[in-house]
Amino acid sequence: MTPAAPLVLLGLVDAAFSGFRAYAGSDARIRKRRPNTRAALRGLAVGSALLLVPALVGTFVLLTARDRRDTYTTLTAGGIGYLIPLTVYAAAVLLSLGAYSPCRSAPAPSRWSSASAP
């Protein structure tokens, strides 16, 4: 199994979240869907450009190696070793987002409910 595709996917998702995180606290407007989307896309663009560096280095190492099969096996083992903790971390993030969503969509208690009336 080649870990390149999952690593690229995790890197791009992380870049999009990083762009959103960089913008999220800098604007006090209530409705900011468009700026949030723009910030996530900006993070995705920067992350895509930064992911080219390890892809080019890995390609260069693989193409210049004397024993390509052994080098490919070593690169794959290193990629899987890097992918395992990242997958655990991504699963924890997705679980926390999933746990946060129902809390956020629940209606807020009213200050003027009948329970608090004198």
Foldseek 3Di string as FASTA:
>chain_A
DALVVVVLVLLLQVQLVVLLVVCVPVDDDDDDPPVSNVSSVVSNVVSVVVVVVVVVVLVVCLVPDPDNVVSSVVVRVVSVVVVVVSVVVVVVVVVVVVVVVVVVPDDDDDPPDPVPDD
